[in-house]
Amino acid sequence: MLILLPLVLLYLYGPREGSASEARTSWWRPRYAIARSGAWLAFVPAGLLAYMGYLAVAHHAPMAPFHAEASWGRDYAGLFSGVLKALAAAPGDLRRA
């Protein structure tokens, strides 16, 4: 599901054929208006829901992909925990270099 945000940003601001709205008054206004062609973005959550539906029917465990980390001894620590760990380890790594 995290891929949905970059896809939406590419749809609104990215390069594509067609006319971009030239009357942008600020940096946050999208370059392109939302049109019917943006409906393909719904395939991202629909694919996840279809897969979870399959897991529910076939294995009675629709949340299995989200609980698989526990069997490997891992857990979700947050979006920026890797960055914070890298910043904490940087001084020691720089001294060794």
PDB file of N, CA and C in Angstrom:
ATOM      1  N   MET A   1       0.813  -1.189   0.000  1.00  0.00           N
ATOM      2  CA  MET A   1       0.000   0.000   0.000  1.00  0.00           C
ATOM      3  C   MET A   1       0.861   1.260   0.000  1.00  0.00           C
ATOM      4  N   LEU A   2       2.098   1.166   0.466  1.00  0.00           N
ATOM      5  CA  LEU A   2       2.951   2.347   0.483  1.00  0.00           C
ATOM      6  C   LEU A   2       3.299   2.818  -0.924  1.00  0.00           C
ATOM      7  N   ILE A   3       3.183   1.958  -1.890  1.00  0.00           N
ATOM      8  CA  ILE A   3       3.480   2.350  -3.270  1.00  0.00           C
ATOM      9  C   ILE A   3       2.397   3.262  -3.839  1.00  0.00           C
ATOM     10  N   LEU A   4       1.236   3.292  -3.208  1.00  0.00           N
ATOM     11  CA  LEU A   4       0.132   4.098  -3.714  1.00  0.00           C
ATOM     12  C   LEU A   4       0.455   5.587  -3.671  1.00  0.00           C
ATOM     13  N   LEU A   5       1.107   6.051  -2.626  1.00  0.00           N
ATOM     14  CA  LEU A   5       1.437   7.483  -2.521  1.00  0.00           C
ATOM     15  C   LEU A   5       2.362   7.950  -3.648  1.00  0.00           C
ATOM     16  N   PRO A   6       3.474   7.269  -3.934  1.00  0.00           N
ATOM     17  CA  PRO A   6       4.291   7.715  -5.071  1.00  0.00           C
ATOM     18  C   PRO A   6       3.554   7.636  -6.405  1.00  0.00           C
ATOM     19  N   LEU A   7       2.699   6.648  -6.568  1.00  0.00           N
ATOM     20  CA  LEU A   7       1.941   6.554  -7.813  1.00  0.00           C
ATOM     21  C   LEU A   7       0.979   7.719  -7.976  1.00  0.00           C
ATOM     22  N   VAL A   8       0.340   8.129  -6.900  1.00  0.00           N
ATOM     23  CA  VAL A   8      -0.560   9.283  -6.959  1.00  0.00           C
ATOM     24  C   VAL A   8       0.231  10.545  -7.266  1.00  0.00           C
ATOM     25  N   LEU A   9       1.397  10.702  -6.636  1.00  0.00           N
ATOM     26  CA  LEU A   9       2.229  11.876  -6.914  1.00  0.00           C
ATOM     27  C   LEU A   9       2.694  11.896  -8.367  1.00  0.00           C
ATOM     28  N   LEU A  10       3.065  10.743  -8.897  1.00  0.00           N
ATOM     29  CA  LEU A  10       3.450  10.685 -10.310  1.00  0.00           C
ATOM     30  C   LEU A  10       2.267  11.016 -11.211  1.00  0.00           C
ATOM     31  N   TYR A  11       1.087  10.573 -10.830  1.00  0.00           N
ATOM     32  CA  TYR A  11      -0.102  10.851 -11.642  1.00  0.00           C
ATOM     33  C   TYR A  11      -0.413  12.347 -11.660  1.00  0.00           C
ATOM     34  N   LEU A  12      -0.267  13.001 -10.529  1.00  0.00           N
ATOM     35  CA  LEU A  12      -0.631  14.419 -10.447  1.00  0.00           C
ATOM     36  C   LEU A  12       0.474  15.358 -10.922  1.00  0.00           C
ATOM     37  N   TYR A  13       1.738  14.998 -10.703  1.00  0.00           N
ATOM     38  CA  TYR A  13       2.836  15.912 -10.984  1.00  0.00           C
ATOM     39  C   TYR A  13       3.813  15.412 -12.043  1.00  0.00           C
ATOM     40  N   GLY A  14       3.810  14.137 -12.352  1.00  0.00           N
ATOM     41  CA  GLY A  14       4.830  13.553 -13.203  1.00  0.00           C
ATOM     42  C   GLY A  14       4.669  13.872 -14.670  1.00  0.00           C
ATOM     43  N   PRO A  15       5.643  13.443 -15.447  1.00  0.00           N
ATOM     44  CA  PRO A  15       5.591  13.700 -16.888  1.00  0.00           C
ATOM     45  C   PRO A  15       4.566  12.794 -17.567  1.00  0.00           C
ATOM     46  N   ARG A  16       3.847  13.354 -18.503  1.00  0.00           N
ATOM     47  CA  ARG A  16       2.927  12.586 -19.333  1.00  0.00           C
ATOM     48  C   ARG A  16       2.499  13.439 -20.504  1.00  0.00           C
ATOM     49  N   GLU A  17       1.982  12.759 -21.497  1.00  0.00           N
ATOM     50  CA  GLU A  17       1.478  13.488 -22.655  1.00  0.00           C
ATOM     51  C   GLU A  17       0.153  14.126 -22.283  1.00  0.00           C
ATOM     52  N   GLY A  18      -0.087  15.258 -22.805  1.00  0.00           N
ATOM     53  CA  GLY A  18      -1.319  15.965 -22.499  1.00  0.00           C
ATOM     54  C   GLY A  18      -0.994  17.384 -22.079  1.00  0.00           C
ATOM     55  N   SER A  19      -2.009  18.150 -21.864  1.00  0.00           N
ATOM     56  CA  SER A  19      -1.800  19.552 -21.530  1.00  0.00           C
ATOM     57  C   SER A  19      -1.756  19.719 -20.017  1.00  0.00           C
ATOM     58  N   ALA A  20      -0.704  20.296 -19.570  1.00  0.00           N
ATOM     59  CA  ALA A  20      -0.585  20.613 -18.148  1.00  0.00           C
ATOM     60  C   ALA A  20      -1.277  21.934 -17.898  1.00  0.00           C
ATOM     61  N   SER A  21      -1.885  22.067 -16.754  1.00  0.00           N
ATOM     62  CA  SER A  21      -2.554  23.332 -16.445  1.00  0.00           C
ATOM     63  C   SER A  21      -1.491  24.383 -16.164  1.00  0.00           C
ATOM     64  N   GLU A  22      -1.510  25.439 -16.934  1.00  0.00           N
ATOM     65  CA  GLU A  22      -0.499  26.488 -16.843  1.00  0.00           C
ATOM     66  C   GLU A  22      -0.807  27.489 -15.735  1.00  0.00           C
ATOM     67  N   ALA A  23      -2.000  27.474 -15.204  1.00  0.00           N
ATOM     68  CA  ALA A  23      -2.412  28.464 -14.217  1.00  0.00           C
ATOM     69  C   ALA A  23      -2.118  27.991 -12.797  1.00  0.00           C
ATOM     70  N   ARG A  24      -0.959  27.447 -12.578  1.00  0.00           N
ATOM     71  CA  ARG A  24      -0.585  27.015 -11.226  1.00  0.00           C
ATOM     72  C   ARG A  24      -0.216  28.241 -10.412  1.00  0.00           C
ATOM     73  N   THR A  25      -0.868  28.402  -9.286  1.00  0.00           N
ATOM     74  CA  THR A  25      -0.595  29.565  -8.455  1.00  0.00           C
ATOM     75  C   THR A  25       0.370  29.251  -7.316  1.00  0.00           C
ATOM     76  N   SER A  26       0.524  27.995  -6.990  1.00  0.00           N
ATOM     77  CA  SER A  26       1.446  27.627  -5.921  1.00  0.00           C
ATOM     78  C   SER A  26       2.089  26.286  -6.251  1.00  0.00           C
ATOM     79  N   TRP A  27       3.145  25.951  -5.517  1.00  0.00           N
ATOM     80  CA  TRP A  27       3.924  24.750  -5.814  1.00  0.00           C
ATOM     81  C   TRP A  27       3.167  23.479  -5.509  1.00  0.00           C
ATOM     82  N   TRP A  28       2.192  23.507  -4.621  1.00  0.00           N
ATOM     83  CA  TRP A  28       1.504  22.290  -4.221  1.00  0.00           C
ATOM     84  C   TRP A  28       0.324  21.950  -5.113  1.00  0.00           C
ATOM     85  N   ARG A  29      -0.067  22.842  -5.988  1.00  0.00           N
ATOM     86  CA  ARG A  29      -1.173  22.527  -6.901  1.00  0.00           C
ATOM     87  C   ARG A  29      -0.708  21.517  -7.939  1.00  0.00           C
ATOM     88  N   PRO A  30      -1.505  20.488  -8.191  1.00  0.00           N
ATOM     89  CA  PRO A  30      -1.102  19.464  -9.172  1.00  0.00           C
ATOM     90  C   PRO A  30      -0.944  20.043 -10.571  1.00  0.00           C
ATOM     91  N   ARG A  31      -0.025  19.454 -11.300  1.00  0.00           N
ATOM     92  CA  ARG A  31       0.200  19.862 -12.675  1.00  0.00           C
ATOM     93  C   ARG A  31      -0.959  19.421 -13.566  1.00  0.00           C
ATOM     94  N   TYR A  32      -1.534  18.268 -13.261  1.00  0.00           N
ATOM     95  CA  TYR A  32      -2.629  17.720 -14.043  1.00  0.00           C
ATOM     96  C   TYR A  32      -3.863  17.555 -13.169  1.00  0.00           C
ATOM     97  N   ALA A  33      -5.015  17.730 -13.768  1.00  0.00           N
ATOM     98  CA  ALA A  33      -6.266  17.528 -13.046  1.00  0.00           C
ATOM     99  C   ALA A  33      -6.559  16.035 -12.944  1.00  0.00           C
ATOM    100  N   ILE A  34      -7.316  15.679 -11.928  1.00  0.00           N
ATOM    101  CA  ILE A  34      -7.715  14.283 -11.763  1.00  0.00           C
ATOM    102  C   ILE A  34      -8.768  13.959 -12.816  1.00  0.00           C
ATOM    103  N   ALA A  35      -8.530  12.894 -13.563  1.00  0.00           N
ATOM    104  CA  ALA A  35      -9.436  12.496 -14.637  1.00  0.00           C
ATOM    105  C   ALA A  35      -9.804  11.026 -14.468  1.00  0.00           C
ATOM    106  N   ARG A  36     -10.598  10.529 -15.388  1.00  0.00           N
ATOM    107  CA  ARG A  36     -11.009   9.117 -15.329  1.00  0.00           C
ATOM    108  C   ARG A  36      -9.822   8.181 -15.472  1.00  0.00           C
ATOM    109  N   SER A  37      -8.765   8.627 -16.089  1.00  0.00           N
ATOM    110  CA  SER A  37      -7.593   7.765 -16.262  1.00  0.00           C
ATOM    111  C   SER A  37      -6.919   7.453 -14.924  1.00  0.00           C
ATOM    112  N   GLY A  38      -7.215   8.209 -13.889  1.00  0.00           N
ATOM    113  CA  GLY A  38      -6.648   7.949 -12.575  1.00  0.00           C
ATOM    114  C   GLY A  38      -7.290   6.778 -11.854  1.00  0.00           C
ATOM    115  N   ALA A  39      -8.335   6.222 -12.451  1.00  0.00           N
ATOM    116  CA  ALA A  39      -9.018   5.092 -11.819  1.00  0.00           C
ATOM    117  C   ALA A  39      -8.114   3.865 -11.722  1.00  0.00           C
ATOM    118  N   TRP A  40      -7.073   3.781 -12.547  1.00  0.00           N
ATOM    119  CA  TRP A  40      -6.174   2.628 -12.482  1.00  0.00           C
ATOM    120  C   TRP A  40      -5.441   2.580 -11.151  1.00  0.00           C
ATOM    121  N   LEU A  41      -5.368   3.694 -10.431  1.00  0.00           N
ATOM    122  CA  LEU A  41      -4.727   3.688  -9.117  1.00  0.00           C
ATOM    123  C   LEU A  41      -5.482   2.804  -8.129  1.00  0.00           C
ATOM    124  N   ALA A  42      -6.747   2.554  -8.391  1.00  0.00           N
ATOM    125  CA  ALA A  42      -7.543   1.697  -7.508  1.00  0.00           C
ATOM    126  C   ALA A  42      -7.100   0.240  -7.580  1.00  0.00           C
ATOM    127  N   PHE A  43      -6.307  -0.124  -8.588  1.00  0.00           N
ATOM    128  CA  PHE A  43      -5.827  -1.504  -8.694  1.00  0.00           C
ATOM    129  C   PHE A  43      -4.844  -1.868  -7.578  1.00  0.00           C
ATOM    130  N   VAL A  44      -4.175  -0.880  -7.000  1.00  0.00           N
ATOM    131  CA  VAL A  44      -3.207  -1.167  -5.942  1.00  0.00           C
ATOM    132  C   VAL A  44      -3.910  -1.731  -4.699  1.00  0.00           C
ATOM    133  N   PRO A  45      -4.881  -1.011  -4.116  1.00  0.00           N
ATOM    134  CA  PRO A  45      -5.560  -1.622  -2.970  1.00  0.00           C
ATOM    135  C   PRO A  45      -6.444  -2.799  -3.368  1.00  0.00           C
ATOM    136  N   ALA A  46      -6.969  -2.790  -4.600  1.00  0.00           N
ATOM    137  CA  ALA A  46      -7.808  -3.912  -5.040  1.00  0.00           C
ATOM    138  C   ALA A  46      -6.995  -5.198  -5.132  1.00  0.00           C
ATOM    139  N   GLY A  47      -5.748  -5.103  -5.567  1.00  0.00           N
ATOM    140  CA  GLY A  47      -4.886  -6.278  -5.632  1.00  0.00           C
ATOM    141  C   GLY A  47      -4.583  -6.833  -4.252  1.00  0.00           C
ATOM    142  N   LEU A  48      -4.316  -5.940  -3.312  1.00  0.00           N
ATOM    143  CA  LEU A  48      -4.067  -6.387  -1.945  1.00  0.00           C
ATOM    144  C   LEU A  48      -5.310  -7.049  -1.356  1.00  0.00           C
ATOM    145  N   LEU A  49      -6.466  -6.442  -1.558  1.00  0.00           N
ATOM    146  CA  LEU A  49      -7.705  -7.018  -1.038  1.00  0.00           C
ATOM    147  C   LEU A  49      -8.029  -8.354  -1.702  1.00  0.00           C
ATOM    148  N   ALA A  50      -7.746  -8.481  -2.992  1.00  0.00           N
ATOM    149  CA  ALA A  50      -7.990  -9.757  -3.679  1.00  0.00           C
ATOM    150  C   ALA A  50      -7.081 -10.848  -3.122  1.00  0.00           C
ATOM    151  N   TYR A  51      -5.824 -10.519  -2.892  1.00  0.00           N
ATOM    152  CA  TYR A  51      -4.899 -11.492  -2.327  1.00  0.00           C
ATOM    153  C   TYR A  51      -5.306 -11.891  -0.917  1.00  0.00           C
ATOM    154  N   MET A  52      -5.719 -10.907  -0.118  1.00  0.00           N
ATOM    155  CA  MET A  52      -6.168 -11.216   1.236  1.00  0.00           C
ATOM    156  C   MET A  52      -7.454 -12.037   1.211  1.00  0.00           C
ATOM    157  N   GLY A  53      -8.317 -11.788   0.221  1.00  0.00           N
ATOM    158  CA  GLY A  53      -9.518 -12.607   0.069  1.00  0.00           C
ATOM    159  C   GLY A  53      -9.180 -14.042  -0.278  1.00  0.00           C
ATOM    160  N   TYR A  54      -8.206 -14.227  -1.169  1.00  0.00           N
ATOM    161  CA  TYR A  54      -7.749 -15.576  -1.502  1.00  0.00           C
ATOM    162  C   TYR A  54      -7.215 -16.289  -0.260  1.00  0.00           C
ATOM    163  N   LEU A  55      -6.383 -15.586   0.517  1.00  0.00           N
ATOM    164  CA  LEU A  55      -5.837 -16.194   1.730  1.00  0.00           C
ATOM    165  C   LEU A  55      -6.933 -16.539   2.732  1.00  0.00           C
ATOM    166  N   ALA A  56      -7.970 -15.717   2.790  1.00  0.00           N
ATOM    167  CA  ALA A  56      -9.074 -15.995   3.711  1.00  0.00           C
ATOM    168  C   ALA A  56      -9.828 -17.248   3.294  1.00  0.00           C
ATOM    169  N   VAL A  57     -10.051 -17.402   1.992  1.00  0.00           N
ATOM    170  CA  VAL A  57     -10.811 -18.554   1.509  1.00  0.00           C
ATOM    171  C   VAL A  57      -9.960 -19.824   1.552  1.00  0.00           C
ATOM    172  N   ALA A  58      -8.733 -19.738   1.086  1.00  0.00           N
ATOM    173  CA  ALA A  58      -7.908 -20.932   0.947  1.00  0.00           C
ATOM    174  C   ALA A  58      -7.251 -21.377   2.258  1.00  0.00           C
ATOM    175  N   HIS A  59      -6.862 -20.432   3.086  1.00  0.00           N
ATOM    176  CA  HIS A  59      -6.062 -20.779   4.272  1.00  0.00           C
ATOM    177  C   HIS A  59      -6.645 -20.268   5.575  1.00  0.00           C
ATOM    178  N   HIS A  60      -7.759 -19.575   5.524  1.00  0.00           N
ATOM    179  CA  HIS A  60      -8.411 -19.007   6.707  1.00  0.00           C
ATOM    180  C   HIS A  60      -7.483 -18.079   7.484  1.00  0.00           C
ATOM    181  N   ALA A  61      -6.615 -17.384   6.766  1.00  0.00           N
ATOM    182  CA  ALA A  61      -5.664 -16.460   7.401  1.00  0.00           C
ATOM    183  C   ALA A  61      -5.408 -15.269   6.469  1.00  0.00           C
ATOM    184  N   PRO A  62      -6.349 -14.321   6.383  1.00  0.00           N
ATOM    185  CA  PRO A  62      -6.143 -13.204   5.458  1.00  0.00           C
ATOM    186  C   PRO A  62      -5.010 -12.267   5.870  1.00  0.00           C
ATOM    187  N   MET A  63      -4.647 -12.239   7.124  1.00  0.00           N
ATOM    188  CA  MET A  63      -3.589 -11.340   7.585  1.00  0.00           C
ATOM    189  C   MET A  63      -2.221 -12.015   7.635  1.00  0.00           C
ATOM    190  N   ALA A  64      -2.089 -13.176   7.044  1.00  0.00           N
ATOM    191  CA  ALA A  64      -0.841 -13.943   7.102  1.00  0.00           C
ATOM    192  C   ALA A  64       0.385 -13.164   6.619  1.00  0.00           C
ATOM    193  N   PRO A  65       0.313 -12.384   5.536  1.00  0.00           N
ATOM    194  CA  PRO A  65       1.521 -11.657   5.128  1.00  0.00           C
ATOM    195  C   PRO A  65       2.008 -10.658   6.170  1.00  0.00           C
ATOM    196  N   PHE A  66       1.088 -10.128   6.956  1.00  0.00           N
ATOM    197  CA  PHE A  66       1.466  -9.125   7.947  1.00  0.00           C
ATOM    198  C   PHE A  66       1.974  -9.753   9.242  1.00  0.00           C
ATOM    199  N   HIS A  67       1.670 -11.017   9.443  1.00  0.00           N
ATOM    200  CA  HIS A  67       2.135 -11.705  10.641  1.00  0.00           C
ATOM    201  C   HIS A  67       3.332 -12.624  10.367  1.00  0.00           C
ATOM    202  N   ALA A  68       3.796 -12.680   9.149  1.00  0.00           N
ATOM    203  CA  ALA A  68       4.897 -13.573   8.789  1.00  0.00           C
ATOM    204  C   ALA A  68       6.212 -13.141   9.421  1.00  0.00           C
ATOM    205  N   GLU A  69       6.372 -11.859   9.725  1.00  0.00           N
ATOM    206  CA  GLU A  69       7.625 -11.387  10.309  1.00  0.00           C
ATOM    207  C   GLU A  69       7.919 -12.055  11.648  1.00  0.00           C
ATOM    208  N   ALA A  70       6.871 -12.360  12.397  1.00  0.00           N
ATOM    209  CA  ALA A  70       7.070 -12.953  13.724  1.00  0.00           C
ATOM    210  C   ALA A  70       7.748 -14.319  13.622  1.00  0.00           C
ATOM    211  N   SER A  71       7.461 -15.067  12.575  1.00  0.00           N
ATOM    212  CA  SER A  71       8.085 -16.385  12.438  1.00  0.00           C
ATOM    213  C   SER A  71       9.564 -16.275  12.083  1.00  0.00           C
ATOM    214  N   TRP A  72       9.997 -15.111  11.599  1.00  0.00           N
ATOM    215  CA  TRP A  72      11.411 -14.895  11.303  1.00  0.00           C
ATOM    216  C   TRP A  72      12.123 -14.154  12.424  1.00  0.00           C
ATOM    217  N   GLY A  73      11.417 -13.885  13.518  1.00  0.00           N
ATOM    218  CA  GLY A  73      12.019 -13.171  14.627  1.00  0.00           C
ATOM    219  C   GLY A  73      12.172 -11.686  14.378  1.00  0.00           C
ATOM    220  N   ARG A  74      11.338 -11.131  13.549  1.00  0.00           N
ATOM    221  CA  ARG A  74      11.386  -9.704  13.234  1.00  0.00           C
ATOM    222  C   ARG A  74      10.071  -9.055  13.627  1.00  0.00           C
ATOM    223  N   ASP A  75      10.106  -7.724  13.744  1.00  0.00           N
ATOM    224  CA  ASP A  75       8.874  -6.991  13.995  1.00  0.00           C
ATOM    225  C   ASP A  75       8.970  -5.628  13.320  1.00  0.00           C
ATOM    226  N   TYR A  76       7.836  -4.985  13.172  1.00  0.00           N
ATOM    227  CA  TYR A  76       7.771  -3.678  12.530  1.00  0.00           C
ATOM    228  C   TYR A  76       8.160  -2.622  13.543  1.00  0.00           C
ATOM    229  N   ALA A  77       9.176  -1.848  13.215  1.00  0.00           N
ATOM    230  CA  ALA A  77       9.679  -0.857  14.155  1.00  0.00           C
ATOM    231  C   ALA A  77       9.347   0.566  13.739  1.00  0.00           C
ATOM    232  N   GLY A  78       8.642   0.762  12.656  1.00  0.00           N
ATOM    233  CA  GLY A  78       8.288   2.102  12.214  1.00  0.00           C
ATOM    234  C   GLY A  78       8.979   2.468  10.920  1.00  0.00           C
ATOM    235  N   LEU A  79       8.500   3.538  10.339  1.00  0.00           N
ATOM    236  CA  LEU A  79       9.010   3.948   9.029  1.00  0.00           C
ATOM    237  C   LEU A  79      10.444   4.464   9.081  1.00  0.00           C
ATOM    238  N   PHE A  80      10.802   5.175  10.123  1.00  0.00           N
ATOM    239  CA  PHE A  80      12.092   5.851  10.150  1.00  0.00           C
ATOM    240  C   PHE A  80      13.077   5.230  11.135  1.00  0.00           C
ATOM    241  N   SER A  81      12.789   4.047  11.633  1.00  0.00           N
ATOM    242  CA  SER A  81      13.693   3.447  12.611  1.00  0.00           C
ATOM    243  C   SER A  81      15.047   3.121  11.998  1.00  0.00           C
ATOM    244  N   GLY A  82      15.090   2.716  10.751  1.00  0.00           N
ATOM    245  CA  GLY A  82      16.370   2.440  10.088  1.00  0.00           C
ATOM    246  C   GLY A  82      17.215   3.685   9.948  1.00  0.00           C
ATOM    247  N   VAL A  83      16.584   4.816   9.626  1.00  0.00           N
ATOM    248  CA  VAL A  83      17.313   6.082   9.506  1.00  0.00           C
ATOM    249  C   VAL A  83      17.857   6.501  10.866  1.00  0.00           C
ATOM    250  N   LEU A  84      17.038   6.362  11.903  1.00  0.00           N
ATOM    251  CA  LEU A  84      17.490   6.743  13.243  1.00  0.00           C
ATOM    252  C   LEU A  84      18.640   5.856  13.717  1.00  0.00           C
ATOM    253  N   LYS A  85      18.578   4.558  13.436  1.00  0.00           N
ATOM    254  CA  LYS A  85      19.667   3.661  13.813  1.00  0.00           C
ATOM    255  C   LYS A  85      20.945   4.001  13.058  1.00  0.00           C
ATOM    256  N   ALA A  86      20.826   4.365  11.782  1.00  0.00           N
ATOM    257  CA  ALA A  86      21.993   4.736  10.988  1.00  0.00           C
ATOM    258  C   ALA A  86      22.624   6.022  11.511  1.00  0.00           C
ATOM    259  N   LEU A  87      21.803   6.999  11.877  1.00  0.00           N
ATOM    260  CA  LEU A  87      22.344   8.246  12.424  1.00  0.00           C
ATOM    261  C   LEU A  87      23.020   8.013  13.771  1.00  0.00           C
ATOM    262  N   ALA A  88      22.478   7.120  14.575  1.00  0.00           N
ATOM    263  CA  ALA A  88      23.080   6.817  15.872  1.00  0.00           C
ATOM    264  C   ALA A  88      24.412   6.085  15.699  1.00  0.00           C
ATOM    265  N   ALA A  89      24.522   5.240  14.678  1.00  0.00           N
ATOM    266  CA  ALA A  89      25.752   4.473  14.469  1.00  0.00           C
ATOM    267  C   ALA A  89      26.790   5.239  13.653  1.00  0.00           C
ATOM    268  N   ALA A  90      26.426   6.362  13.041  1.00  0.00           N
ATOM    269  CA  ALA A  90      27.336   7.088  12.151  1.00  0.00           C
ATOM    270  C   ALA A  90      28.616   7.547  12.819  1.00  0.00           C
ATOM    271  N   PRO A  91      28.574   8.122  14.021  1.00  0.00           N
ATOM    272  CA  PRO A  91      29.851   8.565  14.611  1.00  0.00           C
ATOM    273  C   PRO A  91      30.852   7.429  14.790  1.00  0.00           C
ATOM    274  N   GLY A  92      30.405   6.301  15.263  1.00  0.00           N
ATOM    275  CA  GLY A  92      31.321   5.166  15.438  1.00  0.00           C
ATOM    276  C   GLY A  92      31.816   4.637  14.113  1.00  0.00           C
ATOM    277  N   ASP A  93      30.960   4.609  13.120  1.00  0.00           N
ATOM    278  CA  ASP A  93      31.372   4.146  11.791  1.00  0.00           C
ATOM    279  C   ASP A  93      32.376   5.095  11.169  1.00  0.00           C
ATOM    280  N   LEU A  94      32.216   6.394  11.373  1.00  0.00           N
ATOM    281  CA  LEU A  94      33.146   7.359  10.808  1.00  0.00           C
ATOM    282  C   LEU A  94      34.510   7.283  11.489  1.00  0.00           C
ATOM    283  N   ARG A  95      34.534   6.969  12.788  1.00  0.00           N
ATOM    284  CA  ARG A  95      35.822   6.830  13.481  1.00  0.00           C
ATOM    285  C   ARG A  95      36.604   5.635  12.976  1.00  0.00           C
ATOM    286  N   ARG A  96      35.884   4.569  12.623  1.00  0.00           N
ATOM    287  CA  ARG A  96      36.554   3.358  12.121  1.00  0.00           C
ATOM    288  C   ARG A  96      37.062   3.532  10.697  1.00  0.00           C
ATOM    289  N   ALA A  97      36.535   4.470   9.965  1.00  0.00           N
ATOM    290  CA  ALA A  97      36.901   4.629   8.553  1.00  0.00           C
ATOM    291  C   ALA A  97      38.232   5.275   8.357  1.00  0.00           C
TER     292      ALA A  97
END
